[in-house]
PDB file of N, CA and C in Angstrom:
ATOM      1  N   MET A   1      74.174 178.112  94.390  1.00  0.00           N
ATOM      2  CA  MET A   1      74.393 177.749  93.011  1.00  0.00           C
ATOM      3  C   MET A   1      74.339 179.156  92.311  1.00  0.00           C
ATOM      4  N   LEU A   2      73.266 178.909  91.040  1.00  0.00           N
ATOM      5  CA  LEU A   2      72.771 179.920  90.326  1.00  0.00           C
ATOM      6  C   LEU A   2      71.616 180.104  90.468  1.00  0.00           C
ATOM      7  N   ILE A   3      71.346 181.541  90.398  1.00  0.00           N
ATOM      8  CA  ILE A   3      69.879 181.907  90.484  1.00  0.00           C
ATOM      9  C   ILE A   3      69.285 182.447  89.110  1.00  0.00           C
ATOM     10  N   MET A   4      68.212 181.866  88.658  1.00  0.00           N
ATOM     11  CA  MET A   4      67.652 182.466  87.555  1.00  0.00           C
ATOM     12  C   MET A   4      66.404 183.297  87.824  1.00  0.00           C
ATOM     13  N   THR A   5      66.374 184.572  87.275  1.00  0.00           N
ATOM     14  CA  THR A   5      64.968 185.199  87.390  1.00  0.00           C
ATOM     15  C   THR A   5      63.843 184.614  86.541  1.00  0.00           C
ATOM     16  N   GLU A   6      62.709 184.902  86.827  1.00  0.00           N
ATOM     17  CA  GLU A   6      61.383 184.651  85.982  1.00  0.00           C
ATOM     18  C   GLU A   6      61.589 185.142  84.670  1.00  0.00           C
ATOM     19  N   VAL A   7      62.002 186.352  84.487  1.00  0.00           N
ATOM     20  CA  VAL A   7      62.065 186.990  83.085  1.00  0.00           C
ATOM     21  C   VAL A   7      63.083 186.135  82.191  1.00  0.00           C
ATOM     22  N   ALA A   8      64.296 185.832  82.866  1.00  0.00           N
ATOM     23  CA  ALA A   8      65.115 184.792  82.137  1.00  0.00           C
ATOM     24  C   ALA A   8      64.692 183.548  81.608  1.00  0.00           C
ATOM     25  N   ALA A   9      64.000 182.936  82.775  1.00  0.00           N
ATOM     26  CA  ALA A   9      63.668 181.646  82.339  1.00  0.00           C
ATOM     27  C   ALA A   9      62.463 181.670  81.506  1.00  0.00           C
ATOM     28  N   GLU A  10      61.566 182.747  81.311  1.00  0.00           N
ATOM     29  CA  GLU A  10      60.615 182.781  80.262  1.00  0.00           C
ATOM     30  C   GLU A  10      61.286 182.932  79.052  1.00  0.00           C
ATOM     31  N   LYS A  11      62.209 183.776  78.842  1.00  0.00           N
ATOM     32  CA  LYS A  11      63.165 183.850  77.775  1.00  0.00           C
ATOM     33  C   LYS A  11      63.643 182.416  77.001  1.00  0.00           C
ATOM     34  N   VAL A  12      64.231 181.836  78.235  1.00  0.00           N
ATOM     35  CA  VAL A  12      64.822 180.449  78.020  1.00  0.00           C
ATOM     36  C   VAL A  12      63.739 179.601  77.321  1.00  0.00           C
ATOM     37  N   LYS A  13      62.652 179.466  77.974  1.00  0.00           N
ATOM     38  CA  LYS A  13      61.680 178.555  77.711  1.00  0.00           C
ATOM     39  C   LYS A  13      61.042 178.921  76.166  1.00  0.00           C
ATOM     40  N   ALA A  14      61.017 180.163  75.822  1.00  0.00           N
ATOM     41  CA  ALA A  14      60.574 180.621  74.531  1.00  0.00           C
ATOM     42  C   ALA A  14      61.526 180.206  73.561  1.00  0.00           C
ATOM     43  N   ILE A  15      62.848 180.454  73.751  1.00  0.00           N
ATOM     44  CA  ILE A  15      63.949 180.269  72.585  1.00  0.00           C
ATOM     45  C   ILE A  15      63.833 178.807  72.485  1.00  0.00           C
ATOM     46  N   MET A  16      63.847 178.082  73.822  1.00  0.00           N
ATOM     47  CA  MET A  16      63.754 176.583  73.549  1.00  0.00           C
ATOM     48  C   MET A  16      62.683 175.974  72.539  1.00  0.00           C
ATOM     49  N   LYS A  17      61.621 176.588  72.785  1.00  0.00           N
ATOM     50  CA  LYS A  17      60.332 176.008  72.151  1.00  0.00           C
ATOM     51  C   LYS A  17      60.450 176.619  70.609  1.00  0.00           C
ATOM     52  N   SER A  18      61.045 177.728  70.175  1.00  0.00           N
ATOM     53  CA  SER A  18      61.161 178.007  69.124  1.00  0.00           C
ATOM     54  C   SER A  18      62.131 177.383  68.249  1.00  0.00           C
ATOM     55  N   GLU A  19      63.158 177.115  68.957  1.00  0.00           N
ATOM     56  CA  GLU A  19      64.160 176.298  68.265  1.00  0.00           C
ATOM     57  C   GLU A  19      64.022 174.757  68.255  1.00  0.00           C
ATOM     58  N   GLY A  20      62.898 174.173  68.890  1.00  0.00           N
ATOM     59  CA  GLY A  20      62.492 172.768  68.916  1.00  0.00           C
ATOM     60  C   GLY A  20      63.520 171.978  69.806  1.00  0.00           C
ATOM     61  N   THR A  21      64.136 172.555  70.787  1.00  0.00           N
ATOM     62  CA  THR A  21      64.942 171.971  71.680  1.00  0.00           C
ATOM     63  C   THR A  21      64.259 170.809  72.482  1.00  0.00           C
ATOM     64  N   PRO A  22      64.905 169.750  72.457  1.00  0.00           N
ATOM     65  CA  PRO A  22      64.323 168.524  72.937  1.00  0.00           C
ATOM     66  C   PRO A  22      64.069 168.842  74.722  1.00  0.00           C
ATOM     67  N   GLU A  23      62.977 168.137  75.116  1.00  0.00           N
ATOM     68  CA  GLU A  23      62.593 168.483  76.540  1.00  0.00           C
ATOM     69  C   GLU A  23      63.641 168.010  77.724  1.00  0.00           C
ATOM     70  N   ASP A  24      64.723 166.959  77.277  1.00  0.00           N
ATOM     71  CA  ASP A  24      65.559 166.509  78.204  1.00  0.00           C
ATOM     72  C   ASP A  24      66.712 167.665  78.274  1.00  0.00           C
ATOM     73  N   HIS A  25      66.859 168.644  77.445  1.00  0.00           N
ATOM     74  CA  HIS A  25      67.816 169.688  77.454  1.00  0.00           C
ATOM     75  C   HIS A  25      67.541 170.766  78.486  1.00  0.00           C
ATOM     76  N   GLY A  26      68.538 171.534  78.941  1.00  0.00           N
ATOM     77  CA  GLY A  26      68.543 172.785  80.015  1.00  0.00           C
ATOM     78  C   GLY A  26      69.460 173.585  79.622  1.00  0.00           C
ATOM     79  N   LEU A  27      69.565 174.556  80.013  1.00  0.00           N
ATOM     80  CA  LEU A  27      70.572 175.546  79.910  1.00  0.00           C
ATOM     81  C   LEU A  27      71.934 175.452  80.783  1.00  0.00           C
ATOM     82  N   ARG A  28      72.830 175.185  80.083  1.00  0.00           N
ATOM     83  CA  ARG A  28      74.247 175.233  80.471  1.00  0.00           C
ATOM     84  C   ARG A  28      74.980 176.383  80.743  1.00  0.00           C
ATOM     85  N   VAL A  29      75.436 176.638  81.977  1.00  0.00           N
ATOM     86  CA  VAL A  29      76.209 177.886  82.001  1.00  0.00           C
ATOM     87  C   VAL A  29      77.737 177.417  82.241  1.00  0.00           C
ATOM     88  N   ARG A  30      78.559 177.942  81.397  1.00  0.00           N
ATOM     89  CA  ARG A  30      80.075 177.675  81.421  1.00  0.00           C
ATOM     90  C   ARG A  30      80.799 178.753  81.806  1.00  0.00           C
ATOM     91  N   VAL A  31      82.032 178.742  82.299  1.00  0.00           N
ATOM     92  CA  VAL A  31      83.143 179.821  82.334  1.00  0.00           C
ATOM     93  C   VAL A  31      84.265 179.354  81.549  1.00  0.00           C
ATOM     94  N   MET A  32      84.566 180.058  80.705  1.00  0.00           N
ATOM     95  CA  MET A  32      85.905 179.395  79.839  1.00  0.00           C
ATOM     96  C   MET A  32      86.875 180.684  79.708  1.00  0.00           C
ATOM     97  N   GLY A  33      88.079 180.312  79.435  1.00  0.00           N
ATOM     98  CA  GLY A  33      89.129 181.177  79.380  1.00  0.00           C
ATOM     99  C   GLY A  33      88.855 181.851  77.977  1.00  0.00           C
ATOM    100  N   GLY A  34      89.236 183.321  78.357  1.00  0.00           N
ATOM    101  CA  GLY A  34      89.308 183.954  76.808  1.00  0.00           C
ATOM    102  C   GLY A  34      88.751 185.396  77.291  1.00  0.00           C
ATOM    103  N   GLY A  35      88.457 186.566  76.331  1.00  0.00           N
ATOM    104  CA  GLY A  35      87.897 187.798  76.449  1.00  0.00           C
ATOM    105  C   GLY A  35      89.035 188.592  76.827  1.00  0.00           C
ATOM    106  N   CYS A  36      88.913 189.954  76.878  1.00  0.00           N
ATOM    107  CA  CYS A  36      89.978 190.901  77.307  1.00  0.00           C
ATOM    108  C   CYS A  36      90.237 190.865  78.718  1.00  0.00           C
ATOM    109  N   SER A  37      89.314 190.363  79.755  1.00  0.00           N
ATOM    110  CA  SER A  37      89.758 190.049  81.208  1.00  0.00           C
ATOM    111  C   SER A  37      89.963 188.899  81.539  1.00  0.00           C
ATOM    112  N   GLY A  38      89.999 187.817  80.697  1.00  0.00           N
ATOM    113  CA  GLY A  38      90.669 186.505  81.185  1.00  0.00           C
ATOM    114  C   GLY A  38      89.455 185.403  81.106  1.00  0.00           C
ATOM    115  N   PHE A  39      88.240 185.764  81.501  1.00  0.00           N
ATOM    116  CA  PHE A  39      87.392 184.639  81.414  1.00  0.00           C
ATOM    117  C   PHE A  39      86.138 185.218  80.909  1.00  0.00           C
ATOM    118  N   GLN A  40      85.209 184.260  80.128  1.00  0.00           N
ATOM    119  CA  GLN A  40      83.935 184.630  79.563  1.00  0.00           C
ATOM    120  C   GLN A  40      83.148 183.734  79.914  1.00  0.00           C
ATOM    121  N   TYR A  41      81.685 183.968  79.590  1.00  0.00           N
ATOM    122  CA  TYR A  41      80.615 183.197  79.999  1.00  0.00           C
ATOM    123  C   TYR A  41      80.142 182.661  78.741  1.00  0.00           C
ATOM    124  N   GLN A  42      79.538 181.182  78.715  1.00  0.00           N
ATOM    125  CA  GLN A  42      79.084 180.501  77.534  1.00  0.00           C
ATOM    126  C   GLN A  42      77.555 180.169  78.203  1.00  0.00           C
ATOM    127  N   LEU A  43      76.564 180.259  77.488  1.00  0.00           N
ATOM    128  CA  LEU A  43      75.393 179.708  77.578  1.00  0.00           C
ATOM    129  C   LEU A  43      74.924 178.848  76.304  1.00  0.00           C
ATOM    130  N   ALA A  44      74.401 177.460  76.772  1.00  0.00           N
ATOM    131  CA  ALA A  44      73.976 176.801  75.560  1.00  0.00           C
ATOM    132  C   ALA A  44      73.146 175.748  76.028  1.00  0.00           C
ATOM    133  N   PHE A  45      72.191 175.233  75.120  1.00  0.00           N
ATOM    134  CA  PHE A  45      71.092 174.193  75.507  1.00  0.00           C
ATOM    135  C   PHE A  45      71.976 172.724  75.382  1.00  0.00           C
ATOM    136  N   ASP A  46      71.733 172.055  76.453  1.00  0.00           N
ATOM    137  CA  ASP A  46      72.422 170.979  76.540  1.00  0.00           C
ATOM    138  C   ASP A  46      71.920 169.871  77.545  1.00  0.00           C
ATOM    139  N   THR A  47      72.248 168.424  77.446  1.00  0.00           N
ATOM    140  CA  THR A  47      71.872 167.715  78.444  1.00  0.00           C
ATOM    141  C   THR A  47      72.968 167.505  79.669  1.00  0.00           C
ATOM    142  N   ALA A  48      72.431 166.931  80.629  1.00  0.00           N
ATOM    143  CA  ALA A  48      73.174 166.939  81.803  1.00  0.00           C
ATOM    144  C   ALA A  48      74.488 165.862  81.784  1.00  0.00           C
ATOM    145  N   LYS A  49      75.492 166.212  82.234  1.00  0.00           N
ATOM    146  CA  LYS A  49      76.773 165.148  81.938  1.00  0.00           C
ATOM    147  C   LYS A  49      77.250 164.781  83.512  1.00  0.00           C
ATOM    148  N   GLU A  50      77.703 163.836  83.650  1.00  0.00           N
ATOM    149  CA  GLU A  50      78.256 163.363  84.862  1.00  0.00           C
ATOM    150  C   GLU A  50      79.121 164.366  85.826  1.00  0.00           C
ATOM    151  N   GLY A  51      78.785 164.731  86.833  1.00  0.00           N
ATOM    152  CA  GLY A  51      79.409 165.503  87.728  1.00  0.00           C
ATOM    153  C   GLY A  51      78.778 166.983  87.692  1.00  0.00           C
ATOM    154  N   ASP A  52      77.758 167.179  86.792  1.00  0.00           N
ATOM    155  CA  ASP A  52      77.383 168.474  86.744  1.00  0.00           C
ATOM    156  C   ASP A  52      76.477 169.020  87.957  1.00  0.00           C
ATOM    157  N   GLU A  53      76.566 169.904  88.458  1.00  0.00           N
ATOM    158  CA  GLU A  53      75.638 170.472  89.523  1.00  0.00           C
ATOM    159  C   GLU A  53      74.289 170.935  88.581  1.00  0.00           C
ATOM    160  N   ILE A  54      73.117 170.527  89.062  1.00  0.00           N
ATOM    161  CA  ILE A  54      71.979 170.592  88.321  1.00  0.00           C
ATOM    162  C   ILE A  54      70.999 171.285  89.275  1.00  0.00           C
ATOM    163  N   VAL A  55      70.199 172.513  89.007  1.00  0.00           N
ATOM    164  CA  VAL A  55      69.178 173.111  89.613  1.00  0.00           C
ATOM    165  C   VAL A  55      68.023 173.319  88.734  1.00  0.00           C
ATOM    166  N   GLU A  56      66.632 173.125  89.246  1.00  0.00           N
ATOM    167  CA  GLU A  56      65.622 173.632  88.108  1.00  0.00           C
ATOM    168  C   GLU A  56      65.056 174.838  88.948  1.00  0.00           C
ATOM    169  N   GLN A  57      65.026 175.970  88.168  1.00  0.00           N
ATOM    170  CA  GLN A  57      64.301 177.184  88.700  1.00  0.00           C
ATOM    171  C   GLN A  57      63.382 177.611  87.693  1.00  0.00           C
ATOM    172  N   ASN A  58      62.142 178.389  88.236  1.00  0.00           N
ATOM    173  CA  ASN A  58      61.257 178.806  87.315  1.00  0.00           C
ATOM    174  C   ASN A  58      60.985 177.839  86.079  1.00  0.00           C
ATOM    175  N   GLY A  59      61.016 176.540  86.145  1.00  0.00           N
ATOM    176  CA  GLY A  59      60.697 175.674  85.113  1.00  0.00           C
ATOM    177  C   GLY A  59      61.920 175.263  84.045  1.00  0.00           C
ATOM    178  N   VAL A  60      63.126 175.927  84.419  1.00  0.00           N
ATOM    179  CA  VAL A  60      64.149 175.758  83.657  1.00  0.00           C
ATOM    180  C   VAL A  60      65.266 174.865  84.248  1.00  0.00           C
ATOM    181  N   LYS A  61      65.892 174.039  83.688  1.00  0.00           N
ATOM    182  CA  LYS A  61      67.160 173.127  84.383  1.00  0.00           C
ATOM    183  C   LYS A  61      68.139 173.979  84.081  1.00  0.00           C
ATOM    184  N   LEU A  62      69.057 174.252  85.113  1.00  0.00           N
ATOM    185  CA  LEU A  62      70.228 174.769  84.833  1.00  0.00           C
ATOM    186  C   LEU A  62      71.352 174.001  85.290  1.00  0.00           C
ATOM    187  N   MET A  63      72.551 173.806  84.396  1.00  0.00           N
ATOM    188  CA  MET A  63      73.625 172.760  84.497  1.00  0.00           C
ATOM    189  C   MET A  63      75.084 173.428  84.647  1.00  0.00           C
ATOM    190  N   VAL A  64      75.753 173.186  85.506  1.00  0.00           N
ATOM    191  CA  VAL A  64      77.038 173.717  85.619  1.00  0.00           C
ATOM    192  C   VAL A  64      78.060 172.563  86.043  1.00  0.00           C
ATOM    193  N   ASP A  65      79.158 172.654  85.151  1.00  0.00           N
ATOM    194  CA  ASP A  65      80.319 171.566  85.426  1.00  0.00           C
ATOM    195  C   ASP A  65      80.943 171.999  86.592  1.00  0.00           C
ATOM    196  N   PRO A  66      81.694 171.304  87.421  1.00  0.00           N
ATOM    197  CA  PRO A  66      82.340 171.570  88.613  1.00  0.00           C
ATOM    198  C   PRO A  66      83.450 172.503  88.407  1.00  0.00           C
ATOM    199  N   LYS A  67      84.137 172.694  87.478  1.00  0.00           N
ATOM    200  CA  LYS A  67      85.113 173.764  87.276  1.00  0.00           C
ATOM    201  C   LYS A  67      84.476 175.134  87.036  1.00  0.00           C
ATOM    202  N   SER A  68      83.443 175.142  86.199  1.00  0.00           N
ATOM    203  CA  SER A  68      82.800 176.361  86.230  1.00  0.00           C
ATOM    204  C   SER A  68      82.202 176.848  87.529  1.00  0.00           C
ATOM    205  N   LEU A  69      81.676 175.896  88.153  1.00  0.00           N
ATOM    206  CA  LEU A  69      80.795 176.382  89.332  1.00  0.00           C
ATOM    207  C   LEU A  69      81.819 177.071  90.335  1.00  0.00           C
ATOM    208  N   LEU A  70      83.032 176.713  90.341  1.00  0.00           N
ATOM    209  CA  LEU A  70      83.900 177.456  91.369  1.00  0.00           C
ATOM    210  C   LEU A  70      83.864 178.937  91.023  1.00  0.00           C
ATOM    211  N   TYR A  71      83.369 179.494  89.783  1.00  0.00           N
ATOM    212  CA  TYR A  71      83.433 180.932  89.800  1.00  0.00           C
ATOM    213  C   TYR A  71      81.909 181.584  89.600  1.00  0.00           C
ATOM    214  N   LEU A  72      80.969 180.621  89.760  1.00  0.00           N
ATOM    215  CA  LEU A  72      79.560 181.070  89.551  1.00  0.00           C
ATOM    216  C   LEU A  72      78.709 181.025  90.614  1.00  0.00           C
ATOM    217  N   VAL A  73      79.402 180.499  91.776  1.00  0.00           N
ATOM    218  CA  VAL A  73      78.426 180.469  92.897  1.00  0.00           C
ATOM    219  C   VAL A  73      77.625 181.694  93.310  1.00  0.00           C
ATOM    220  N   GLY A  74      76.464 181.673  93.434  1.00  0.00           N
ATOM    221  CA  GLY A  74      75.627 182.902  93.732  1.00  0.00           C
ATOM    222  C   GLY A  74      75.449 183.939  92.584  1.00  0.00           C
ATOM    223  N   THR A  75      75.752 183.430  91.297  1.00  0.00           N
ATOM    224  CA  THR A  75      75.510 184.223  90.068  1.00  0.00           C
ATOM    225  C   THR A  75      73.977 184.370  89.752  1.00  0.00           C
ATOM    226  N   GLU A  76      73.574 185.618  89.284  1.00  0.00           N
ATOM    227  CA  GLU A  76      72.349 185.523  88.880  1.00  0.00           C
ATOM    228  C   GLU A  76      72.174 185.685  87.428  1.00  0.00           C
ATOM    229  N   VAL A  77      71.232 185.002  86.709  1.00  0.00           N
ATOM    230  CA  VAL A  77      71.120 184.934  85.159  1.00  0.00           C
ATOM    231  C   VAL A  77      69.852 185.813  85.099  1.00  0.00           C
ATOM    232  N   ASP A  78      69.898 186.652  84.406  1.00  0.00           N
ATOM    233  CA  ASP A  78      68.679 187.596  84.072  1.00  0.00           C
ATOM    234  C   ASP A  78      68.589 187.940  82.512  1.00  0.00           C
ATOM    235  N   TYR A  79      67.543 188.649  82.153  1.00  0.00           N
ATOM    236  CA  TYR A  79      67.543 188.757  80.621  1.00  0.00           C
ATOM    237  C   TYR A  79      67.077 190.377  80.631  1.00  0.00           C
ATOM    238  N   ALA A  80      67.790 191.009  79.833  1.00  0.00           N
ATOM    239  CA  ALA A  80      67.502 192.624  79.810  1.00  0.00           C
ATOM    240  C   ALA A  80      67.141 192.935  78.279  1.00  0.00           C
ATOM    241  N   ASP A  81      66.078 193.735  78.360  1.00  0.00           N
ATOM    242  CA  ASP A  81      65.587 194.203  76.937  1.00  0.00           C
ATOM    243  C   ASP A  81      65.261 195.729  77.080  1.00  0.00           C
ATOM    244  N   GLY A  82      66.536 196.278  76.442  1.00  0.00           N
ATOM    245  CA  GLY A  82      66.332 197.704  76.621  1.00  0.00           C
ATOM    246  C   GLY A  82      66.641 198.518  75.011  1.00  0.00           C
ATOM    247  N   LEU A  83      67.024 199.774  75.356  1.00  0.00           N
ATOM    248  CA  LEU A  83      67.355 200.660  74.104  1.00  0.00           C
ATOM    249  C   LEU A  83      68.475 200.104  73.706  1.00  0.00           C
ATOM    250  N   SER A  84      69.565 199.748  74.570  1.00  0.00           N
ATOM    251  CA  SER A  84      70.881 199.540  74.095  1.00  0.00           C
ATOM    252  C   SER A  84      70.993 198.223  73.762  1.00  0.00           C
ATOM    253  N   GLY A  85      70.025 197.438  73.535  1.00  0.00           N
ATOM    254  CA  GLY A  85      69.998 196.029  73.353  1.00  0.00           C
ATOM    255  C   GLY A  85      69.486 195.136  74.170  1.00  0.00           C
ATOM    256  N   SER A  86      69.371 193.701  73.850  1.00  0.00           N
ATOM    257  CA  SER A  86      68.725 192.739  74.651  1.00  0.00           C
ATOM    258  C   SER A  86      69.798 191.549  74.879  1.00  0.00           C
ATOM    259  N   GLY A  87      69.481 190.867  75.880  1.00  0.00           N
ATOM    260  CA  GLY A  87      70.527 189.652  76.114  1.00  0.00           C
ATOM    261  C   GLY A  87      70.238 189.107  77.422  1.00  0.00           C
ATOM    262  N   PHE A  88      70.914 187.965  77.691  1.00  0.00           N
ATOM    263  CA  PHE A  88      71.093 187.494  78.852  1.00  0.00           C
ATOM    264  C   PHE A  88      72.295 188.205  79.788  1.00  0.00           C
ATOM    265  N   THR A  89      72.060 188.553  80.895  1.00  0.00           N
ATOM    266  CA  THR A  89      73.164 189.191  81.789  1.00  0.00           C
ATOM    267  C   THR A  89      73.301 188.240  82.952  1.00  0.00           C
ATOM    268  N   LEU A  90      74.577 188.060  83.361  1.00  0.00           N
ATOM    269  CA  LEU A  90      75.100 187.501  84.505  1.00  0.00           C
ATOM    270  C   LEU A  90      75.628 188.316  85.463  1.00  0.00           C
ATOM    271  N   LYS A  91      75.033 188.365  86.721  1.00  0.00           N
ATOM    272  CA  LYS A  91      75.473 189.143  87.738  1.00  0.00           C
ATOM    273  C   LYS A  91      76.379 188.301  88.863  1.00  0.00           C
ATOM    274  N   ASN A  92      77.462 188.443  88.704  1.00  0.00           N
ATOM    275  CA  ASN A  92      78.339 187.529  89.440  1.00  0.00           C
ATOM    276  C   ASN A  92      79.176 188.192  90.729  1.00  0.00           C
ATOM    277  N   PRO A  93      78.967 187.866  91.751  1.00  0.00           N
ATOM    278  CA  PRO A  93      79.426 188.453  92.927  1.00  0.00           C
ATOM    279  C   PRO A  93      80.844 188.114  92.959  1.00  0.00           C
ATOM    280  N   ASN A  94      81.425 187.118  92.328  1.00  0.00           N
ATOM    281  CA  ASN A  94      82.731 186.655  92.525  1.00  0.00           C
ATOM    282  C   ASN A  94      83.958 187.391  91.702  1.00  0.00           C
ATOM    283  N   THR A  95      83.377 188.361  90.581  1.00  0.00           N
ATOM    284  CA  THR A  95      84.360 188.903  89.883  1.00  0.00           C
ATOM    285  C   THR A  95      85.130 189.978  90.589  1.00  0.00           C
ATOM    286  N   LYS A  96      86.418 189.996  90.069  1.00  0.00           N
ATOM    287  CA  LYS A  96      87.179 191.062  90.590  1.00  0.00           C
ATOM    288  C   LYS A  96      87.253 192.328  89.676  1.00  0.00           C
ATOM    289  N   GLY A  97      86.700 192.138  88.588  1.00  0.00           N
ATOM    290  CA  GLY A  97      86.715 193.133  87.524  1.00  0.00           C
ATOM    291  C   GLY A  97      85.971 192.807  86.250  1.00  0.00           C
ATOM    292  N   THR A  98      85.582 193.662  85.349  1.00  0.00           N
ATOM    293  CA  THR A  98      85.069 193.069  84.076  1.00  0.00           C
ATOM    294  C   THR A  98      85.937 194.306  83.051  1.00  0.00           C
ATOM    295  N   CYS A  99      85.645 193.884  81.847  1.00  0.00           N
ATOM    296  CA  CYS A  99      86.138 194.552  80.657  1.00  0.00           C
ATOM    297  C   CYS A  99      85.020 195.619  80.373  1.00  0.00           C
ATOM    298  N   GLY A 100      85.604 196.517  79.563  1.00  0.00           N
ATOM    299  CA  GLY A 100      84.647 197.594  79.014  1.00  0.00           C
ATOM    300  C   GLY A 100      83.525 197.316  78.340  1.00  0.00           C
ATOM    301  N   CYS A 101      83.603 196.039  77.586  1.00  0.00           N
ATOM    302  CA  CYS A 101      82.343 195.780  76.712  1.00  0.00           C
ATOM    303  C   CYS A 101      81.530 194.967  77.644  1.00  0.00           C
ATOM    304  N   GLY A 102      81.829 194.436  78.794  1.00  0.00           N
ATOM    305  CA  GLY A 102      81.111 193.656  79.642  1.00  0.00           C
ATOM    306  C   GLY A 102      81.027 192.233  79.299  1.00  0.00           C
ATOM    307  N   GLN A 103      81.861 191.759  78.539  1.00  0.00           N
ATOM    308  CA  GLN A 103      81.501 190.494  77.913  1.00  0.00           C
ATOM    309  C   GLN A 103      82.561 189.550  78.691  1.00  0.00           C
ATOM    310  N   SER A 104      83.592 190.012  79.328  1.00  0.00           N
ATOM    311  CA  SER A 104      84.393 188.972  80.114  1.00  0.00           C
ATOM    312  C   SER A 104      84.795 189.464  81.331  1.00  0.00           C
ATOM    313  N   PHE A 105      85.255 188.800  82.259  1.00  0.00           N
ATOM    314  CA  PHE A 105      85.491 189.150  83.823  1.00  0.00           C
ATOM    315  C   PHE A 105      86.953 188.633  84.156  1.00  0.00           C
ATOM    316  N   GLN A 106      87.327 189.139  85.322  1.00  0.00           N
ATOM    317  CA  GLN A 106      88.613 188.749  86.001  1.00  0.00           C
ATOM    318  C   GLN A 106      87.965 187.859  87.301  1.00  0.00           C
ATOM    319  N   ALA A 107      88.699 186.999  87.736  1.00  0.00           N
ATOM    320  CA  ALA A 107      88.500 186.141  88.840  1.00  0.00           C
ATOM    321  C   ALA A 107      89.340 186.407  90.122  1.00  0.00           C
TER     322      ALA A 107
END
């Protein structure tokens, strides 16, 4: 399914704590239509829904709906903090291409 690095997990836990996110929530990773290449990722704190694939890694619950899972198998969720900015990154082995800005992908 998905792989979450320790760095990303620590950042998720810190954000959840600072926002007062309830303990029964986890990180939902979705694929949605849009962006200049056709698909884009969405990350949000949520509770599990019926049919979700759920995995806990590094103390964070990750949830993916069945439709999104088709595009996300083997994807690594990481967090980068550098000179050009900081944020979550998804390294998806299933993409056929990405846009110039890196915010959307082709499947």
